[in-house]
């Protein structure tokens, strides 16, 4: 069933979902001239709460700056627009998709004469890699597709056109019977999944590739690093060789969509015991306890959509 809601925020106002349309000559449709985010709002006893919304919108501003896309809305205005969309759609939890894109004025490759449009959609969406994946883990492969080389594209930006690379990675994985894939960077070191950051556990230490390995600086990645250190684990940023994946005690993906998802095998090689490891489980449980409101939000990650006493359900 397609993800859909009743209302969409577009260019400063809420409009009916089916009216949120663009022309087929929209510049972004032809050239990928867009920047976007993926954010979640979680159900809590106080109603829906947006997870790290300001950090996501700061990254959206950064992506737009890299892409030369003028974004006239502040972080605060985007947060208020997001809350308005969630309230209009009467959602208790949802996936949030902000998108900034070039509309239609010309078909020149340099589309800076085209108008810039902004939408925020809020739709129902469960576990990205499947509900069972959160406990059982996923089988992945190392992709034949590499991540972009320095000076070719901008991996620190969440830019629409760059996700053709991610599509190649994901399609190859699915065609070969895997749930997801891990890509390597141009130097042959571990980078990330098609839409997730990756962590490796070895002898009780947690490792994750640095930004220089052509990864996106994930907001959930950052939260997981904080949670892991709160739990007393050592986290290191390290360049990881492919073979280190096979001898890891634990591997897991992180991301807004994937949340915290264990990896149970890579290229048919079981990881550790072949099931979710204890460190992954501990981090995952703390993450979901925070996002559900069951554990104190010590880092101020949740923005509640409704004021105290306003939550109607």
C-alpha atoms as a PDB file:
ATOM      1  CA  UNK A   1       0.000   0.000   0.000  1.00  0.00           C
ATOM      2  CA  UNK A   2       1.465   3.412  -0.936  1.00  0.00           C
ATOM      3  CA  UNK A   3       2.402   5.743   1.904  1.00  0.00           C
ATOM      4  CA  UNK A   4      -0.073   8.600   1.970  1.00  0.00           C
ATOM      5  CA  UNK A   5      -1.580  11.212   4.268  1.00  0.00           C
ATOM      6  CA  UNK A   6      -4.403  13.753   4.044  1.00  0.00           C
ATOM      7  CA  UNK A   7      -2.290  16.910   4.126  1.00  0.00           C
ATOM      8  CA  UNK A   8       1.059  18.101   2.818  1.00  0.00           C
ATOM      9  CA  UNK A   9       2.970  21.244   3.765  1.00  0.00           C
ATOM     10  CA  UNK A  10       4.157  22.952   0.583  1.00  0.00           C
ATOM     11  CA  UNK A  11       5.748  26.373   0.125  1.00  0.00           C
ATOM     12  CA  UNK A  12       4.427  27.784   3.370  1.00  0.00           C
ATOM     13  CA  UNK A  13       0.953  26.281   3.636  1.00  0.00           C
ATOM     14  CA  UNK A  14      -0.902  23.055   4.247  1.00  0.00           C
ATOM     15  CA  UNK A  15      -2.653  21.725   1.156  1.00  0.00           C
ATOM     16  CA  UNK A  16      -4.556  18.501   0.387  1.00  0.00           C
ATOM     17  CA  UNK A  17      -2.192  15.645  -0.436  1.00  0.00           C
ATOM     18  CA  UNK A  18      -3.390  15.209  -4.016  1.00  0.00           C
ATOM     19  CA  UNK A  19      -2.817  18.891  -4.768  1.00  0.00           C
ATOM     20  CA  UNK A  20       0.909  18.687  -3.989  1.00  0.00           C
ATOM     21  CA  UNK A  21       2.025  18.455  -7.606  1.00  0.00           C
ATOM     22  CA  UNK A  22       4.839  19.692  -9.868  1.00  0.00           C
ATOM     23  CA  UNK A  23       5.279  20.085 -13.628  1.00  0.00           C
ATOM     24  CA  UNK A  24       6.979  17.274 -15.573  1.00  0.00           C
ATOM     25  CA  UNK A  25       9.660  19.782 -16.639  1.00  0.00           C
ATOM     26  CA  UNK A  26      10.633  20.365 -13.008  1.00  0.00           C
ATOM     27  CA  UNK A  27      14.416  20.748 -12.954  1.00  0.00           C
ATOM     28  CA  UNK A  28      14.866  18.310 -10.055  1.00  0.00           C
ATOM     29  CA  UNK A  29      13.019  15.601 -11.971  1.00  0.00           C
ATOM     30  CA  UNK A  30      15.547  15.816 -14.811  1.00  0.00           C
ATOM     31  CA  UNK A  31      18.784  16.509 -12.938  1.00  0.00           C
ATOM     32  CA  UNK A  32      18.319  15.529  -9.293  1.00  0.00           C
ATOM     33  CA  UNK A  33      18.702  19.133  -8.107  1.00  0.00           C
ATOM     34  CA  UNK A  34      17.212  18.633  -4.660  1.00  0.00           C
ATOM     35  CA  UNK A  35      18.128  18.173  -1.018  1.00  0.00           C
ATOM     36  CA  UNK A  36      16.089  16.173   1.433  1.00  0.00           C
ATOM     37  CA  UNK A  37      15.893  14.699   4.908  1.00  0.00           C
ATOM     38  CA  UNK A  38      14.437  11.664   6.616  1.00  0.00           C
ATOM     39  CA  UNK A  39      13.079  12.249  10.126  1.00  0.00           C
ATOM     40  CA  UNK A  40      10.855  10.230  12.429  1.00  0.00           C
ATOM     41  CA  UNK A  41       8.226  11.230  14.939  1.00  0.00           C
ATOM     42  CA  UNK A  42       7.726   8.579  17.600  1.00  0.00           C
ATOM     43  CA  UNK A  43       4.699   7.777  19.719  1.00  0.00           C
ATOM     44  CA  UNK A  44       5.170   8.727  23.380  1.00  0.00           C
ATOM     45  CA  UNK A  45       2.813   9.041  26.363  1.00  0.00           C
ATOM     46  CA  UNK A  46       2.738  12.802  25.636  1.00  0.00           C
ATOM     47  CA  UNK A  47       1.844  12.303  21.981  1.00  0.00           C
ATOM     48  CA  UNK A  48       4.066  12.312  18.900  1.00  0.00           C
ATOM     49  CA  UNK A  49       7.629  13.556  19.379  1.00  0.00           C
ATOM     50  CA  UNK A  50      10.039  14.475  16.579  1.00  0.00           C
ATOM     51  CA  UNK A  51      13.435  12.816  16.981  1.00  0.00           C
ATOM     52  CA  UNK A  52      16.301  15.293  16.625  1.00  0.00           C
ATOM     53  CA  UNK A  53      14.369  17.572  14.294  1.00  0.00           C
ATOM     54  CA  UNK A  54      16.632  20.641  14.632  1.00  0.00           C
ATOM     55  CA  UNK A  55      19.720  18.566  13.852  1.00  0.00           C
ATOM     56  CA  UNK A  56      18.057  17.153  10.756  1.00  0.00           C
ATOM     57  CA  UNK A  57      16.998  20.593   9.579  1.00  0.00           C
ATOM     58  CA  UNK A  58      20.471  21.968  10.195  1.00  0.00           C
ATOM     59  CA  UNK A  59      21.787  19.229   7.914  1.00  0.00           C
ATOM     60  CA  UNK A  60      19.122  20.151   5.348  1.00  0.00           C
ATOM     61  CA  UNK A  61      20.395  23.726   5.418  1.00  0.00           C
ATOM     62  CA  UNK A  62      23.947  22.399   5.001  1.00  0.00           C
ATOM     63  CA  UNK A  63      22.908  20.241   2.036  1.00  0.00           C
ATOM     64  CA  UNK A  64      21.156  23.197   0.422  1.00  0.00           C
ATOM     65  CA  UNK A  65      24.246  25.330   0.880  1.00  0.00           C
ATOM     66  CA  UNK A  66      26.407  22.684  -0.803  1.00  0.00           C
ATOM     67  CA  UNK A  67      23.838  22.380  -3.611  1.00  0.00           C
ATOM     68  CA  UNK A  68      23.417  26.167  -3.986  1.00  0.00           C
ATOM     69  CA  UNK A  69      19.717  25.840  -3.205  1.00  0.00           C
ATOM     70  CA  UNK A  70      18.454  28.962  -1.378  1.00  0.00           C
ATOM     71  CA  UNK A  71      16.310  27.789   1.560  1.00  0.00           C
ATOM     72  CA  UNK A  72      14.342  30.714   2.952  1.00  0.00           C
ATOM     73  CA  UNK A  73      12.821  28.884   5.910  1.00  0.00           C
ATOM     74  CA  UNK A  74      14.696  28.784   9.221  1.00  0.00           C
ATOM     75  CA  UNK A  75      15.136  25.653  11.308  1.00  0.00           C
ATOM     76  CA  UNK A  76      12.478  26.942  13.692  1.00  0.00           C
ATOM     77  CA  UNK A  77      10.022  27.602  10.853  1.00  0.00           C
ATOM     78  CA  UNK A  78      10.602  24.135   9.408  1.00  0.00           C
ATOM     79  CA  UNK A  79      10.002  22.569  12.825  1.00  0.00           C
ATOM     80  CA  UNK A  80       6.725  24.447  13.222  1.00  0.00           C
ATOM     81  CA  UNK A  81       5.667  23.426   9.716  1.00  0.00           C
ATOM     82  CA  UNK A  82       6.437  19.803  10.543  1.00  0.00           C
ATOM     83  CA  UNK A  83       4.371  19.919  13.706  1.00  0.00           C
ATOM     84  CA  UNK A  84       1.520  21.526  11.797  1.00  0.00           C
ATOM     85  CA  UNK A  85       1.562  18.717   9.211  1.00  0.00           C
ATOM     86  CA  UNK A  86       1.574  16.014  11.903  1.00  0.00           C
ATOM     87  CA  UNK A  87      -1.317  17.676  13.708  1.00  0.00           C
ATOM     88  CA  UNK A  88      -3.297  18.106  10.476  1.00  0.00           C
ATOM     89  CA  UNK A  89      -2.808  14.426   9.647  1.00  0.00           C
ATOM     90  CA  UNK A  90      -3.724  13.377  13.211  1.00  0.00           C
ATOM     91  CA  UNK A  91      -0.661  11.140  13.395  1.00  0.00           C
ATOM     92  CA  UNK A  92       0.707   9.574  16.552  1.00  0.00           C
ATOM     93  CA  UNK A  93       3.913   8.435  14.808  1.00  0.00           C
ATOM     94  CA  UNK A  94       5.188   8.992  11.290  1.00  0.00           C
ATOM     95  CA  UNK A  95       8.087   9.297   8.875  1.00  0.00           C
ATOM     96  CA  UNK A  96       8.826  12.887   7.870  1.00  0.00           C
ATOM     97  CA  UNK A  97      10.188  13.786   4.426  1.00  0.00           C
ATOM     98  CA  UNK A  98      11.283  17.399   3.859  1.00  0.00           C
ATOM     99  CA  UNK A  99      12.380  18.123   0.288  1.00  0.00           C
ATOM    100  CA  UNK A 100      13.872  21.261  -1.237  1.00  0.00           C
ATOM    101  CA  UNK A 101      14.010  21.208  -5.027  1.00  0.00           C
ATOM    102  CA  UNK A 102      14.343  23.305  -8.158  1.00  0.00           C
ATOM    103  CA  UNK A 103      11.078  23.764 -10.021  1.00  0.00           C
ATOM    104  CA  UNK A 104      10.636  24.695 -13.671  1.00  0.00           C
ATOM    105  CA  UNK A 105      12.054  27.720 -15.443  1.00  0.00           C
ATOM    106  CA  UNK A 106      14.581  26.233 -17.861  1.00  0.00           C
ATOM    107  CA  UNK A 107      16.227  22.935 -18.711  1.00  0.00           C
ATOM    108  CA  UNK A 108      19.773  24.195 -18.532  1.00  0.00           C
ATOM    109  CA  UNK A 109      21.992  22.061 -16.336  1.00  0.00           C
ATOM    110  CA  UNK A 110      22.698  25.086 -14.135  1.00  0.00           C
ATOM    111  CA  UNK A 111      19.205  25.447 -12.752  1.00  0.00           C
ATOM    112  CA  UNK A 112      19.733  28.428 -10.462  1.00  0.00           C
ATOM    113  CA  UNK A 113      17.183  30.476 -12.421  1.00  0.00           C
ATOM    114  CA  UNK A 114      14.500  27.951 -11.501  1.00  0.00           C
ATOM    115  CA  UNK A 115      12.242  28.609  -8.504  1.00  0.00           C
ATOM    116  CA  UNK A 116      13.044  26.714  -5.302  1.00  0.00           C
ATOM    117  CA  UNK A 117      10.145  24.800  -3.779  1.00  0.00           C
ATOM    118  CA  UNK A 118       9.858  23.179  -0.361  1.00  0.00           C
ATOM    119  CA  UNK A 119       7.588  20.394   0.857  1.00  0.00           C
ATOM    120  CA  UNK A 120       7.221  18.492   4.112  1.00  0.00           C
ATOM    121  CA  UNK A 121       5.312  15.227   4.004  1.00  0.00           C
ATOM    122  CA  UNK A 122       4.431  13.082   7.022  1.00  0.00           C
ATOM    123  CA  UNK A 123       3.445   9.488   6.316  1.00  0.00           C
ATOM    124  CA  UNK A 124       3.048   6.211   8.210  1.00  0.00           C
ATOM    125  CA  UNK A 125       6.100   3.965   7.866  1.00  0.00           C
ATOM    126  CA  UNK A 126       7.227   1.002   9.923  1.00  0.00           C
ATOM    127  CA  UNK A 127      10.637  -0.636  10.170  1.00  0.00           C
ATOM    128  CA  UNK A 128      12.535   0.079   6.935  1.00  0.00           C
ATOM    129  CA  UNK A 129      14.218  -3.336   6.641  1.00  0.00           C
ATOM    130  CA  UNK A 130      11.280  -5.252   8.151  1.00  0.00           C
ATOM    131  CA  UNK A 131       9.985  -5.639  11.700  1.00  0.00           C
ATOM    132  CA  UNK A 132      11.707  -9.008  12.135  1.00  0.00           C
ATOM    133  CA  UNK A 133      15.024  -7.461  11.077  1.00  0.00           C
ATOM    134  CA  UNK A 134      15.202  -5.483  14.307  1.00  0.00           C
ATOM    135  CA  UNK A 135      15.613  -8.676  16.313  1.00  0.00           C
ATOM    136  CA  UNK A 136      16.738 -11.312  13.804  1.00  0.00           C
ATOM    137  CA  UNK A 137      19.096  -9.151  11.756  1.00  0.00           C
ATOM    138  CA  UNK A 138      19.544  -8.917   7.988  1.00  0.00           C
ATOM    139  CA  UNK A 139      21.656 -10.725   5.398  1.00  0.00           C
ATOM    140  CA  UNK A 140      23.762  -8.330   3.348  1.00  0.00           C
ATOM    141  CA  UNK A 141      26.440  -8.391   0.668  1.00  0.00           C
ATOM    142  CA  UNK A 142      29.375  -6.169  -0.177  1.00  0.00           C
ATOM    143  CA  UNK A 143      28.283  -4.227  -3.242  1.00  0.00           C
ATOM    144  CA  UNK A 144      30.211  -4.058  -6.491  1.00  0.00           C
ATOM    145  CA  UNK A 145      29.216  -0.380  -6.622  1.00  0.00           C
ATOM    146  CA  UNK A 146      31.635   2.013  -4.885  1.00  0.00           C
ATOM    147  CA  UNK A 147      30.751   5.214  -3.083  1.00  0.00           C
ATOM    148  CA  UNK A 148      31.704   8.481  -4.740  1.00  0.00           C
ATOM    149  CA  UNK A 149      35.322   9.580  -4.850  1.00  0.00           C
ATOM    150  CA  UNK A 150      36.410  12.866  -3.250  1.00  0.00           C
ATOM    151  CA  UNK A 151      35.942  15.769  -5.636  1.00  0.00           C
ATOM    152  CA  UNK A 152      33.286  14.025  -7.724  1.00  0.00           C
ATOM    153  CA  UNK A 153      30.157  14.419  -5.595  1.00  0.00           C
ATOM    154  CA  UNK A 154      29.476  15.622  -2.037  1.00  0.00           C
ATOM    155  CA  UNK A 155      28.705  12.729   0.325  1.00  0.00           C
ATOM    156  CA  UNK A 156      28.187  15.053   3.306  1.00  0.00           C
ATOM    157  CA  UNK A 157      25.148  16.491   1.517  1.00  0.00           C
ATOM    158  CA  UNK A 158      21.857  14.607   1.419  1.00  0.00           C
ATOM    159  CA  UNK A 159      21.325  15.527  -2.229  1.00  0.00           C
ATOM    160  CA  UNK A 160      18.744  13.879  -4.469  1.00  0.00           C
ATOM    161  CA  UNK A 161      20.870  13.139  -7.545  1.00  0.00           C
ATOM    162  CA  UNK A 162      23.526  11.391  -5.492  1.00  0.00           C
ATOM    163  CA  UNK A 163      21.037   8.705  -4.521  1.00  0.00           C
ATOM    164  CA  UNK A 164      21.315   7.119  -7.955  1.00  0.00           C
ATOM    165  CA  UNK A 165      24.444   5.548  -6.434  1.00  0.00           C
ATOM    166  CA  UNK A 166      22.344   4.260  -3.536  1.00  0.00           C
ATOM    167  CA  UNK A 167      19.752   2.888  -5.952  1.00  0.00           C
ATOM    168  CA  UNK A 168      22.406   0.887  -7.796  1.00  0.00           C
ATOM    169  CA  UNK A 169      23.600  -0.541  -4.473  1.00  0.00           C
ATOM    170  CA  UNK A 170      20.106  -1.429  -3.263  1.00  0.00           C
ATOM    171  CA  UNK A 171      18.902  -2.892  -6.577  1.00  0.00           C
ATOM    172  CA  UNK A 172      21.962  -5.105  -6.919  1.00  0.00           C
ATOM    173  CA  UNK A 173      21.481  -6.386  -3.372  1.00  0.00           C
ATOM    174  CA  UNK A 174      17.810  -7.196  -3.902  1.00  0.00           C
ATOM    175  CA  UNK A 175      18.434  -8.837  -7.285  1.00  0.00           C
ATOM    176  CA  UNK A 176      20.993 -11.106  -5.620  1.00  0.00           C
ATOM    177  CA  UNK A 177      18.656 -12.097  -2.790  1.00  0.00           C
ATOM    178  CA  UNK A 178      20.012  -9.846  -0.028  1.00  0.00           C
ATOM    179  CA  UNK A 179      18.113  -7.354   2.105  1.00  0.00           C
ATOM    180  CA  UNK A 180      20.784  -4.667   1.835  1.00  0.00           C
ATOM    181  CA  UNK A 181      24.401  -4.126   0.800  1.00  0.00           C
ATOM    182  CA  UNK A 182      27.517  -2.509   2.186  1.00  0.00           C
ATOM    183  CA  UNK A 183      29.455  -0.303  -0.182  1.00  0.00           C
ATOM    184  CA  UNK A 184      33.170   0.400  -0.170  1.00  0.00           C
ATOM    185  CA  UNK A 185      34.733   3.777  -0.782  1.00  0.00           C
ATOM    186  CA  UNK A 186      37.000   4.588  -3.737  1.00  0.00           C
ATOM    187  CA  UNK A 187      40.011   3.287  -1.792  1.00  0.00           C
ATOM    188  CA  UNK A 188      38.364  -0.064  -1.054  1.00  0.00           C
ATOM    189  CA  UNK A 189      37.539   0.623   2.598  1.00  0.00           C
ATOM    190  CA  UNK A 190      34.132   0.113   4.209  1.00  0.00           C
ATOM    191  CA  UNK A 191      31.811   3.081   3.667  1.00  0.00           C
ATOM    192  CA  UNK A 192      28.084   2.566   4.389  1.00  0.00           C
ATOM    193  CA  UNK A 193      24.887   0.914   3.174  1.00  0.00           C
ATOM    194  CA  UNK A 194      22.628   2.300   0.471  1.00  0.00           C
ATOM    195  CA  UNK A 195      20.928   4.449   3.085  1.00  0.00           C
ATOM    196  CA  UNK A 196      22.476   3.521   6.423  1.00  0.00           C
ATOM    197  CA  UNK A 197      25.649   4.034   8.414  1.00  0.00           C
ATOM    198  CA  UNK A 198      27.457   0.966   9.718  1.00  0.00           C
ATOM    199  CA  UNK A 199      29.026  -0.033  13.049  1.00  0.00           C
ATOM    200  CA  UNK A 200      31.308  -2.957  13.856  1.00  0.00           C
ATOM    201  CA  UNK A 201      31.961  -4.545  17.269  1.00  0.00           C
ATOM    202  CA  UNK A 202      35.201  -6.418  17.947  1.00  0.00           C
ATOM    203  CA  UNK A 203      36.393  -7.478  21.429  1.00  0.00           C
ATOM    204  CA  UNK A 204      33.941  -5.112  23.108  1.00  0.00           C
ATOM    205  CA  UNK A 205      35.044  -2.021  21.158  1.00  0.00           C
ATOM    206  CA  UNK A 206      32.705  -0.327  18.673  1.00  0.00           C
ATOM    207  CA  UNK A 207      34.132   0.963  15.396  1.00  0.00           C
ATOM    208  CA  UNK A 208      32.525   3.085  12.690  1.00  0.00           C
ATOM    209  CA  UNK A 209      33.984   4.591   9.494  1.00  0.00           C
ATOM    210  CA  UNK A 210      34.995   8.274   9.603  1.00  0.00           C
ATOM    211  CA  UNK A 211      33.395  10.985   7.489  1.00  0.00           C
ATOM    212  CA  UNK A 212      36.365  10.715   5.114  1.00  0.00           C
ATOM    213  CA  UNK A 213      35.140   7.262   4.011  1.00  0.00           C
ATOM    214  CA  UNK A 214      32.473   8.919   1.823  1.00  0.00           C
ATOM    215  CA  UNK A 215      29.694   8.530   4.364  1.00  0.00           C
ATOM    216  CA  UNK A 216      26.767  10.741   5.248  1.00  0.00           C
ATOM    217  CA  UNK A 217      27.130  12.219   8.725  1.00  0.00           C
ATOM    218  CA  UNK A 218      24.117  10.418  10.137  1.00  0.00           C
ATOM    219  CA  UNK A 219      21.993  11.980  12.878  1.00  0.00           C
ATOM    220  CA  UNK A 220      21.047   8.523  14.174  1.00  0.00           C
ATOM    221  CA  UNK A 221      24.724   7.528  13.874  1.00  0.00           C
ATOM    222  CA  UNK A 222      25.604  10.417  16.163  1.00  0.00           C
ATOM    223  CA  UNK A 223      22.859   9.433  18.621  1.00  0.00           C
ATOM    224  CA  UNK A 224      24.071   5.836  18.703  1.00  0.00           C
ATOM    225  CA  UNK A 225      27.637   6.963  19.406  1.00  0.00           C
ATOM    226  CA  UNK A 226      26.301   8.997  22.324  1.00  0.00           C
ATOM    227  CA  UNK A 227      24.162   6.103  23.605  1.00  0.00           C
ATOM    228  CA  UNK A 228      27.067   3.649  23.332  1.00  0.00           C
ATOM    229  CA  UNK A 229      29.320   5.928  25.370  1.00  0.00           C
ATOM    230  CA  UNK A 230      26.537   6.506  27.908  1.00  0.00           C
ATOM    231  CA  UNK A 231      26.397   2.721  28.310  1.00  0.00           C
ATOM    232  CA  UNK A 232      30.145   2.607  28.933  1.00  0.00           C
ATOM    233  CA  UNK A 233      31.344   1.310  25.559  1.00  0.00           C
ATOM    234  CA  UNK A 234      34.391   2.612  23.735  1.00  0.00           C
ATOM    235  CA  UNK A 235      33.649   3.998  20.266  1.00  0.00           C
ATOM    236  CA  UNK A 236      36.389   4.601  17.712  1.00  0.00           C
ATOM    237  CA  UNK A 237      36.306   6.166  14.246  1.00  0.00           C
ATOM    238  CA  UNK A 238      38.416   3.848  12.106  1.00  0.00           C
ATOM    239  CA  UNK A 239      39.107   3.036   8.472  1.00  0.00           C
ATOM    240  CA  UNK A 240      37.765  -0.505   8.103  1.00  0.00           C
ATOM    241  CA  UNK A 241      39.015  -3.108   5.641  1.00  0.00           C
ATOM    242  CA  UNK A 242      36.460  -5.364   3.962  1.00  0.00           C
ATOM    243  CA  UNK A 243      37.706  -8.520   5.660  1.00  0.00           C
ATOM    244  CA  UNK A 244      37.095  -6.949   9.068  1.00  0.00           C
ATOM    245  CA  UNK A 245      33.380  -7.308   8.370  1.00  0.00           C
ATOM    246  CA  UNK A 246      33.703 -11.103   8.251  1.00  0.00           C
ATOM    247  CA  UNK A 247      35.516 -11.402  11.575  1.00  0.00           C
ATOM    248  CA  UNK A 248      33.387  -8.888  13.481  1.00  0.00           C
ATOM    249  CA  UNK A 249      31.673 -10.016  16.657  1.00  0.00           C
ATOM    250  CA  UNK A 250      28.692  -7.820  15.770  1.00  0.00           C
ATOM    251  CA  UNK A 251      27.636  -5.515  12.952  1.00  0.00           C
ATOM    252  CA  UNK A 252      24.675  -3.185  12.772  1.00  0.00           C
ATOM    253  CA  UNK A 253      23.176  -0.471  10.590  1.00  0.00           C
ATOM    254  CA  UNK A 254      21.864   2.861  11.830  1.00  0.00           C
ATOM    255  CA  UNK A 255      19.674   5.480  10.176  1.00  0.00           C
ATOM    256  CA  UNK A 256      16.356   7.267  10.465  1.00  0.00           C
ATOM    257  CA  UNK A 257      14.680   4.555   8.400  1.00  0.00           C
ATOM    258  CA  UNK A 258      16.746   1.564   9.593  1.00  0.00           C
ATOM    259  CA  UNK A 259      16.922   2.845  13.208  1.00  0.00           C
ATOM    260  CA  UNK A 260      19.264   0.243  14.789  1.00  0.00           C
ATOM    261  CA  UNK A 261      19.235  -2.949  12.711  1.00  0.00           C
ATOM    262  CA  UNK A 262      21.579  -5.919  13.338  1.00  0.00           C
ATOM    263  CA  UNK A 263      23.463  -7.539  10.449  1.00  0.00           C
ATOM    264  CA  UNK A 264      23.561 -11.313  10.772  1.00  0.00           C
ATOM    265  CA  UNK A 265      25.650 -12.191   7.722  1.00  0.00           C
ATOM    266  CA  UNK A 266      27.850 -10.564   5.072  1.00  0.00           C
ATOM    267  CA  UNK A 267      28.407 -12.385   1.776  1.00  0.00           C
ATOM    268  CA  UNK A 268      26.862 -15.495   3.417  1.00  0.00           C
ATOM    269  CA  UNK A 269      29.438 -15.370   6.233  1.00  0.00           C
ATOM    270  CA  UNK A 270      27.668 -15.414   9.638  1.00  0.00           C
ATOM    271  CA  UNK A 271      28.572 -12.501  11.895  1.00  0.00           C
ATOM    272  CA  UNK A 272      29.419 -13.636  15.421  1.00  0.00           C
ATOM    273  CA  UNK A 273      26.778 -16.141  16.487  1.00  0.00           C
ATOM    274  CA  UNK A 274      24.653 -15.261  13.463  1.00  0.00           C
ATOM    275  CA  UNK A 275      22.106 -13.387  15.568  1.00  0.00           C
ATOM    276  CA  UNK A 276      21.765 -10.029  17.284  1.00  0.00           C
ATOM    277  CA  UNK A 277      24.706  -9.483  19.614  1.00  0.00           C
ATOM    278  CA  UNK A 278      24.545  -8.183  23.202  1.00  0.00           C
ATOM    279  CA  UNK A 279      26.047  -4.749  22.492  1.00  0.00           C
ATOM    280  CA  UNK A 280      23.724  -4.172  19.545  1.00  0.00           C
ATOM    281  CA  UNK A 281      20.802  -5.252  21.721  1.00  0.00           C
ATOM    282  CA  UNK A 282      21.770  -2.909  24.561  1.00  0.00           C
ATOM    283  CA  UNK A 283      22.124   0.088  22.231  1.00  0.00           C
ATOM    284  CA  UNK A 284      18.922  -0.768  20.400  1.00  0.00           C
ATOM    285  CA  UNK A 285      16.931  -1.096  23.625  1.00  0.00           C
ATOM    286  CA  UNK A 286      18.180   2.235  24.953  1.00  0.00           C
ATOM    287  CA  UNK A 287      17.446   3.924  21.610  1.00  0.00           C
ATOM    288  CA  UNK A 288      13.847   2.711  21.522  1.00  0.00           C
ATOM    289  CA  UNK A 289      13.364   3.436  25.234  1.00  0.00           C
ATOM    290  CA  UNK A 290      14.354   7.063  24.624  1.00  0.00           C
ATOM    291  CA  UNK A 291      12.257   7.489  21.479  1.00  0.00           C
ATOM    292  CA  UNK A 292       9.188   5.926  23.124  1.00  0.00           C
ATOM    293  CA  UNK A 293       9.472   8.161  26.189  1.00  0.00           C
ATOM    294  CA  UNK A 294      10.151   5.198  28.493  1.00  0.00           C
ATOM    295  CA  UNK A 295      13.671   6.421  29.340  1.00  0.00           C
ATOM    296  CA  UNK A 296      14.562  10.033  30.256  1.00  0.00           C
ATOM    297  CA  UNK A 297      15.456  12.212  27.272  1.00  0.00           C
ATOM    298  CA  UNK A 298      18.746  13.298  28.817  1.00  0.00           C
ATOM    299  CA  UNK A 299      20.113  14.809  25.600  1.00  0.00           C
ATOM    300  CA  UNK A 300      17.029  16.778  24.560  1.00  0.00           C
ATOM    301  CA  UNK A 301      16.432  14.764  21.409  1.00  0.00           C
ATOM    302  CA  UNK A 302      12.617  14.797  21.422  1.00  0.00           C
ATOM    303  CA  UNK A 303      10.437  17.719  20.340  1.00  0.00           C
ATOM    304  CA  UNK A 304       6.832  17.092  21.293  1.00  0.00           C
ATOM    305  CA  UNK A 305       4.265  18.090  18.694  1.00  0.00           C
ATOM    306  CA  UNK A 306       1.654  19.081  21.283  1.00  0.00           C
ATOM    307  CA  UNK A 307       2.023  21.260  24.354  1.00  0.00           C
ATOM    308  CA  UNK A 308       1.440  19.753  27.787  1.00  0.00           C
ATOM    309  CA  UNK A 309      -2.212  18.723  28.090  1.00  0.00           C
ATOM    310  CA  UNK A 310      -3.029  19.326  24.404  1.00  0.00           C
ATOM    311  CA  UNK A 311      -2.553  15.764  23.145  1.00  0.00           C
ATOM    312  CA  UNK A 312      -6.125  14.795  22.181  1.00  0.00           C
ATOM    313  CA  UNK A 313      -5.843  10.992  22.145  1.00  0.00           C
END
